[in-house]
Amino acid sequence: MKNREIVKEWIYEHKIVAIARRVKPEDMVNTAKALFEGGIRSLEITFDRASDTCIADTAASISQVKEALGDQMCVGAGTVMTVEQAEAAKEAGADFALAPDLSLIHISEPTRPY
């Protein structure tokens, strides 16, 4: 996991963050490798609220991409809407997490930034 400043510098340097939405976990590594071969160095893997297995699927995808590409690609979680999703992303090795609207998240105790 990269710290906040490194993630910001990485994104500023590489400019583009690809967003993977509804890509099956079994297809994510090949998708990430194809993006990497095309010059993409940052990838956001989103949580799909329509899926009953979104937490497990997104965490698996993040973990698999981090294992396959290591620090060659900055990988994060997107559409993070709950503390449970944020924790799953962090445990999977996400370098960053993005939330569309933090006012929807009920946080009972302070959280630590990635």
N, C-alpha and C. Protein backbone atom coordinates (compact mmCIF):
# COMPACT_ATOMS: atom_id res chain seq x y z
N MET A 1 0.85 -1.17 0.00
CA MET A 1 0.00 0.00 0.00
C MET A 1 0.89 1.24 0.00
N LYS A 2 0.60 2.15 -0.90
CA LYS A 2 1.34 3.39 -0.99
C LYS A 2 0.73 4.42 -0.03
N ASN A 3 1.56 5.34 0.47
CA ASN A 3 0.98 6.38 1.32
C ASN A 3 0.33 7.47 0.47
N ARG A 4 -0.43 8.32 1.10
CA ARG A 4 -1.24 9.32 0.40
C ARG A 4 -0.42 10.19 -0.54
N GLU A 5 0.72 10.70 -0.09
CA GLU A 5 1.53 11.59 -0.93
C GLU A 5 2.08 10.86 -2.15
N ILE A 6 2.50 9.62 -1.97
CA ILE A 6 3.01 8.84 -3.10
C ILE A 6 1.90 8.60 -4.12
N VAL A 7 0.69 8.29 -3.64
CA VAL A 7 -0.45 8.07 -4.55
C VAL A 7 -0.73 9.35 -5.34
N LYS A 8 -0.78 10.49 -4.66
CA LYS A 8 -1.04 11.76 -5.36
C LYS A 8 0.03 12.03 -6.41
N GLU A 9 1.30 11.86 -6.05
CA GLU A 9 2.38 12.09 -7.00
C GLU A 9 2.28 11.13 -8.18
N TRP A 10 1.96 9.88 -7.90
CA TRP A 10 1.83 8.85 -8.94
C TRP A 10 0.75 9.27 -9.94
N ILE A 11 -0.42 9.65 -9.44
CA ILE A 11 -1.53 10.02 -10.32
C ILE A 11 -1.20 11.29 -11.10
N TYR A 12 -0.57 12.27 -10.47
CA TYR A 12 -0.16 13.48 -11.19
C TYR A 12 0.82 13.13 -12.31
N GLU A 13 1.74 12.22 -12.04
CA GLU A 13 2.75 11.85 -13.04
C GLU A 13 2.14 11.07 -14.21
N HIS A 14 1.26 10.12 -13.90
CA HIS A 14 0.73 9.23 -14.95
C HIS A 14 -0.58 9.71 -15.56
N LYS A 15 -1.22 10.69 -14.96
CA LYS A 15 -2.37 11.43 -15.48
C LYS A 15 -3.70 10.69 -15.59
N ILE A 16 -3.73 9.45 -16.00
CA ILE A 16 -4.98 8.74 -16.28
C ILE A 16 -5.22 7.67 -15.22
N VAL A 17 -6.46 7.61 -14.72
CA VAL A 17 -6.88 6.52 -13.84
C VAL A 17 -8.00 5.78 -14.57
N ALA A 18 -7.73 4.55 -14.97
CA ALA A 18 -8.77 3.73 -15.61
C ALA A 18 -9.74 3.26 -14.53
N ILE A 19 -11.01 3.14 -14.90
CA ILE A 19 -12.02 2.67 -13.96
C ILE A 19 -12.59 1.36 -14.47
N ALA A 20 -12.47 0.33 -13.63
CA ALA A 20 -13.01 -0.99 -13.97
C ALA A 20 -14.30 -1.18 -13.17
N ARG A 21 -15.40 -1.26 -13.87
CA ARG A 21 -16.70 -1.45 -13.24
C ARG A 21 -17.33 -2.70 -13.81
N ARG A 22 -17.79 -3.58 -12.92
CA ARG A 22 -18.46 -4.83 -13.30
C ARG A 22 -17.59 -5.77 -14.13
N VAL A 23 -16.29 -5.74 -13.86
CA VAL A 23 -15.38 -6.71 -14.46
C VAL A 23 -15.29 -7.87 -13.48
N LYS A 24 -15.54 -9.07 -13.95
CA LYS A 24 -15.51 -10.24 -13.07
C LYS A 24 -14.11 -10.44 -12.50
N PRO A 25 -14.02 -10.88 -11.24
CA PRO A 25 -12.70 -11.08 -10.63
C PRO A 25 -11.79 -11.98 -11.46
N GLU A 26 -12.36 -12.99 -12.09
CA GLU A 26 -11.53 -13.91 -12.88
C GLU A 26 -11.00 -13.25 -14.16
N ASP A 27 -11.55 -12.11 -14.55
CA ASP A 27 -11.08 -11.38 -15.74
C ASP A 27 -10.23 -10.17 -15.40
N MET A 28 -10.15 -9.82 -14.12
CA MET A 28 -9.53 -8.55 -13.74
C MET A 28 -8.03 -8.50 -14.00
N VAL A 29 -7.31 -9.58 -13.72
CA VAL A 29 -5.86 -9.54 -13.93
C VAL A 29 -5.54 -9.34 -15.41
N ASN A 30 -6.21 -10.07 -16.28
CA ASN A 30 -5.96 -9.88 -17.71
C ASN A 30 -6.35 -8.49 -18.17
N THR A 31 -7.43 -7.96 -17.62
CA THR A 31 -7.84 -6.59 -17.94
C THR A 31 -6.77 -5.60 -17.50
N ALA A 32 -6.28 -5.76 -16.27
CA ALA A 32 -5.25 -4.86 -15.74
C ALA A 32 -3.96 -4.96 -16.54
N LYS A 33 -3.59 -6.17 -16.92
CA LYS A 33 -2.37 -6.35 -17.73
C LYS A 33 -2.52 -5.68 -19.09
N ALA A 34 -3.70 -5.78 -19.70
CA ALA A 34 -3.94 -5.13 -20.99
C ALA A 34 -3.86 -3.62 -20.85
N LEU A 35 -4.45 -3.09 -19.78
CA LEU A 35 -4.36 -1.66 -19.52
C LEU A 35 -2.91 -1.24 -19.33
N PHE A 36 -2.16 -2.03 -18.58
CA PHE A 36 -0.75 -1.73 -18.32
C PHE A 36 0.04 -1.71 -19.64
N GLU A 37 -0.20 -2.72 -20.48
CA GLU A 37 0.49 -2.78 -21.77
C GLU A 37 0.14 -1.57 -22.64
N GLY A 38 -1.05 -1.02 -22.43
CA GLY A 38 -1.47 0.18 -23.16
C GLY A 38 -0.99 1.48 -22.55
N GLY A 39 -0.24 1.39 -21.46
CA GLY A 39 0.35 2.59 -20.86
C GLY A 39 -0.35 3.10 -19.62
N ILE A 40 -1.41 2.44 -19.19
CA ILE A 40 -2.14 2.87 -17.99
C ILE A 40 -1.40 2.38 -16.75
N ARG A 41 -1.22 3.27 -15.77
CA ARG A 41 -0.49 2.91 -14.56
C ARG A 41 -1.32 3.07 -13.28
N SER A 42 -2.59 3.48 -13.42
CA SER A 42 -3.46 3.64 -12.26
C SER A 42 -4.82 3.04 -12.59
N LEU A 43 -5.36 2.28 -11.64
CA LEU A 43 -6.62 1.58 -11.87
C LEU A 43 -7.51 1.66 -10.64
N GLU A 44 -8.74 2.07 -10.86
CA GLU A 44 -9.75 2.08 -9.80
C GLU A 44 -10.70 0.91 -10.08
N ILE A 45 -10.86 0.03 -9.12
CA ILE A 45 -11.78 -1.09 -9.22
C ILE A 45 -12.97 -0.77 -8.32
N THR A 46 -14.14 -0.65 -8.92
CA THR A 46 -15.30 -0.17 -8.17
C THR A 46 -16.07 -1.28 -7.47
N PHE A 47 -16.71 -0.89 -6.38
CA PHE A 47 -17.67 -1.76 -5.71
C PHE A 47 -18.99 -1.61 -6.46
N ASP A 48 -19.65 -2.73 -6.76
CA ASP A 48 -20.91 -2.72 -7.48
C ASP A 48 -22.03 -3.01 -6.49
N ARG A 49 -22.75 -1.99 -6.09
CA ARG A 49 -23.80 -2.15 -5.07
C ARG A 49 -24.92 -3.07 -5.52
N ALA A 50 -25.06 -3.32 -6.82
CA ALA A 50 -26.11 -4.21 -7.32
C ALA A 50 -25.77 -5.68 -7.10
N SER A 51 -24.52 -5.96 -6.76
CA SER A 51 -24.08 -7.34 -6.58
C SER A 51 -24.07 -7.71 -5.09
N ASP A 52 -24.59 -8.88 -4.78
CA ASP A 52 -24.57 -9.38 -3.40
C ASP A 52 -23.16 -9.74 -2.94
N THR A 53 -22.25 -9.95 -3.89
CA THR A 53 -20.89 -10.37 -3.56
C THR A 53 -19.87 -9.27 -3.87
N CYS A 54 -20.32 -8.02 -3.91
CA CYS A 54 -19.43 -6.94 -4.34
C CYS A 54 -18.21 -6.77 -3.44
N ILE A 55 -18.38 -6.94 -2.15
CA ILE A 55 -17.23 -6.74 -1.26
C ILE A 55 -16.17 -7.81 -1.52
N ALA A 56 -16.58 -9.05 -1.55
CA ALA A 56 -15.63 -10.14 -1.81
C ALA A 56 -15.03 -10.04 -3.20
N ASP A 57 -15.86 -9.72 -4.20
CA ASP A 57 -15.38 -9.63 -5.58
C ASP A 57 -14.38 -8.51 -5.77
N THR A 58 -14.69 -7.33 -5.23
CA THR A 58 -13.79 -6.20 -5.40
C THR A 58 -12.49 -6.42 -4.63
N ALA A 59 -12.58 -6.94 -3.43
CA ALA A 59 -11.37 -7.23 -2.65
C ALA A 59 -10.50 -8.26 -3.37
N ALA A 60 -11.13 -9.29 -3.92
CA ALA A 60 -10.37 -10.31 -4.65
C ALA A 60 -9.69 -9.70 -5.87
N SER A 61 -10.41 -8.86 -6.59
CA SER A 61 -9.85 -8.22 -7.78
C SER A 61 -8.65 -7.34 -7.43
N ILE A 62 -8.80 -6.54 -6.39
CA ILE A 62 -7.69 -5.67 -5.97
C ILE A 62 -6.49 -6.52 -5.58
N SER A 63 -6.70 -7.51 -4.77
CA SER A 63 -5.62 -8.38 -4.30
C SER A 63 -4.91 -9.07 -5.47
N GLN A 64 -5.68 -9.59 -6.40
CA GLN A 64 -5.10 -10.31 -7.54
C GLN A 64 -4.28 -9.38 -8.44
N VAL A 65 -4.79 -8.17 -8.67
CA VAL A 65 -4.05 -7.22 -9.51
C VAL A 65 -2.77 -6.78 -8.81
N LYS A 66 -2.86 -6.51 -7.50
CA LYS A 66 -1.65 -6.13 -6.76
C LYS A 66 -0.61 -7.25 -6.79
N GLU A 67 -1.08 -8.50 -6.67
CA GLU A 67 -0.16 -9.64 -6.72
C GLU A 67 0.48 -9.77 -8.10
N ALA A 68 -0.30 -9.57 -9.14
CA ALA A 68 0.20 -9.74 -10.50
C ALA A 68 1.11 -8.61 -10.96
N LEU A 69 0.77 -7.37 -10.59
CA LEU A 69 1.52 -6.22 -11.10
C LEU A 69 2.34 -5.49 -10.04
N GLY A 70 2.12 -5.82 -8.79
CA GLY A 70 2.89 -5.20 -7.72
C GLY A 70 2.82 -3.69 -7.75
N ASP A 71 3.97 -3.06 -7.58
CA ASP A 71 4.03 -1.60 -7.54
C ASP A 71 4.13 -0.97 -8.92
N GLN A 72 3.97 -1.78 -9.98
CA GLN A 72 3.98 -1.21 -11.33
C GLN A 72 2.69 -0.45 -11.62
N MET A 73 1.63 -0.77 -10.86
CA MET A 73 0.34 -0.11 -11.06
C MET A 73 -0.22 0.30 -9.70
N CYS A 74 -0.74 1.51 -9.66
CA CYS A 74 -1.42 2.02 -8.47
C CYS A 74 -2.87 1.55 -8.56
N VAL A 75 -3.32 0.76 -7.60
CA VAL A 75 -4.65 0.15 -7.65
C VAL A 75 -5.47 0.60 -6.45
N GLY A 76 -6.69 1.06 -6.75
CA GLY A 76 -7.55 1.52 -5.67
C GLY A 76 -8.96 1.02 -5.81
N ALA A 77 -9.76 1.36 -4.82
CA ALA A 77 -11.17 0.98 -4.79
C ALA A 77 -12.02 2.22 -5.05
N GLY A 78 -13.09 2.02 -5.81
CA GLY A 78 -13.99 3.12 -6.11
C GLY A 78 -15.41 2.80 -5.67
N THR A 79 -16.23 3.82 -5.61
CA THR A 79 -17.61 3.72 -5.15
C THR A 79 -17.65 3.08 -3.76
N VAL A 80 -16.74 3.53 -2.91
CA VAL A 80 -16.69 3.05 -1.53
C VAL A 80 -17.77 3.77 -0.75
N MET A 81 -18.77 3.01 -0.31
CA MET A 81 -19.93 3.60 0.33
C MET A 81 -20.09 3.22 1.80
N THR A 82 -19.31 2.26 2.28
CA THR A 82 -19.44 1.82 3.67
C THR A 82 -18.06 1.63 4.29
N VAL A 83 -18.03 1.63 5.59
CA VAL A 83 -16.79 1.36 6.31
C VAL A 83 -16.32 -0.05 5.99
N GLU A 84 -17.25 -1.00 5.89
CA GLU A 84 -16.90 -2.38 5.56
C GLU A 84 -16.18 -2.47 4.21
N GLN A 85 -16.65 -1.73 3.23
CA GLN A 85 -15.99 -1.71 1.93
C GLN A 85 -14.58 -1.10 2.03
N ALA A 86 -14.47 0.00 2.77
CA ALA A 86 -13.16 0.64 2.95
C ALA A 86 -12.18 -0.31 3.62
N GLU A 87 -12.63 -1.00 4.64
CA GLU A 87 -11.76 -1.96 5.33
C GLU A 87 -11.36 -3.11 4.42
N ALA A 88 -12.30 -3.61 3.62
CA ALA A 88 -12.01 -4.71 2.69
C ALA A 88 -10.99 -4.27 1.64
N ALA A 89 -11.13 -3.05 1.15
CA ALA A 89 -10.19 -2.52 0.17
C ALA A 89 -8.79 -2.40 0.76
N LYS A 90 -8.72 -1.87 1.96
CA LYS A 90 -7.42 -1.72 2.62
C LYS A 90 -6.77 -3.08 2.85
N GLU A 91 -7.54 -4.04 3.35
CA GLU A 91 -7.00 -5.39 3.60
C GLU A 91 -6.55 -6.06 2.31
N ALA A 92 -7.19 -5.74 1.19
CA ALA A 92 -6.84 -6.33 -0.10
C ALA A 92 -5.58 -5.69 -0.69
N GLY A 93 -5.14 -4.57 -0.10
CA GLY A 93 -3.93 -3.92 -0.57
C GLY A 93 -4.15 -2.70 -1.43
N ALA A 94 -5.36 -2.16 -1.43
CA ALA A 94 -5.65 -0.97 -2.23
C ALA A 94 -4.73 0.18 -1.85
N ASP A 95 -4.29 0.92 -2.86
CA ASP A 95 -3.44 2.08 -2.63
C ASP A 95 -4.25 3.33 -2.31
N PHE A 96 -5.53 3.33 -2.73
CA PHE A 96 -6.40 4.47 -2.46
C PHE A 96 -7.84 3.99 -2.47
N ALA A 97 -8.72 4.84 -1.97
CA ALA A 97 -10.15 4.56 -1.99
C ALA A 97 -10.88 5.87 -2.31
N LEU A 98 -11.89 5.77 -3.16
CA LEU A 98 -12.68 6.94 -3.53
C LEU A 98 -14.13 6.70 -3.19
N ALA A 99 -14.76 7.72 -2.62
CA ALA A 99 -16.17 7.64 -2.26
C ALA A 99 -16.91 8.75 -3.00
N PRO A 100 -18.04 8.43 -3.62
CA PRO A 100 -18.77 9.47 -4.34
C PRO A 100 -19.44 10.48 -3.42
N ASP A 101 -19.76 10.09 -2.17
CA ASP A 101 -20.45 10.99 -1.27
C ASP A 101 -20.27 10.50 0.16
N LEU A 102 -19.36 11.10 0.88
CA LEU A 102 -19.06 10.65 2.24
C LEU A 102 -20.22 10.87 3.20
N SER A 103 -21.16 11.73 2.85
CA SER A 103 -22.26 11.97 3.78
C SER A 103 -23.16 10.75 3.92
N LEU A 104 -23.03 9.77 3.04
CA LEU A 104 -23.83 8.57 3.11
C LEU A 104 -23.24 7.51 4.04
N ILE A 105 -22.02 7.72 4.47
CA ILE A 105 -21.34 6.74 5.31
C ILE A 105 -21.50 7.13 6.77
N HIS A 106 -22.00 6.22 7.59
CA HIS A 106 -22.08 6.45 9.02
C HIS A 106 -20.81 5.88 9.64
N ILE A 107 -20.02 6.75 10.23
CA ILE A 107 -18.76 6.34 10.85
C ILE A 107 -18.89 6.56 12.35
N SER A 108 -18.78 5.49 13.11
CA SER A 108 -18.98 5.61 14.56
C SER A 108 -17.69 5.97 15.29
N GLU A 109 -16.56 5.75 14.68
CA GLU A 109 -15.30 6.12 15.30
C GLU A 109 -14.37 6.65 14.23
N PRO A 110 -13.37 7.43 14.60
CA PRO A 110 -12.47 8.01 13.61
C PRO A 110 -11.79 6.93 12.76
N THR A 111 -11.58 7.24 11.51
CA THR A 111 -10.89 6.31 10.61
C THR A 111 -9.53 6.87 10.28
N ARG A 112 -8.66 5.99 9.88
CA ARG A 112 -7.32 6.40 9.47
C ARG A 112 -7.27 6.49 7.96
N PRO A 113 -6.61 7.53 7.40
CA PRO A 113 -6.48 7.61 5.95
C PRO A 113 -5.54 6.53 5.45
N TYR A 114 -5.69 6.17 4.21
CA TYR A 114 -4.83 5.15 3.60
C TYR A 114 -3.43 5.63 3.59
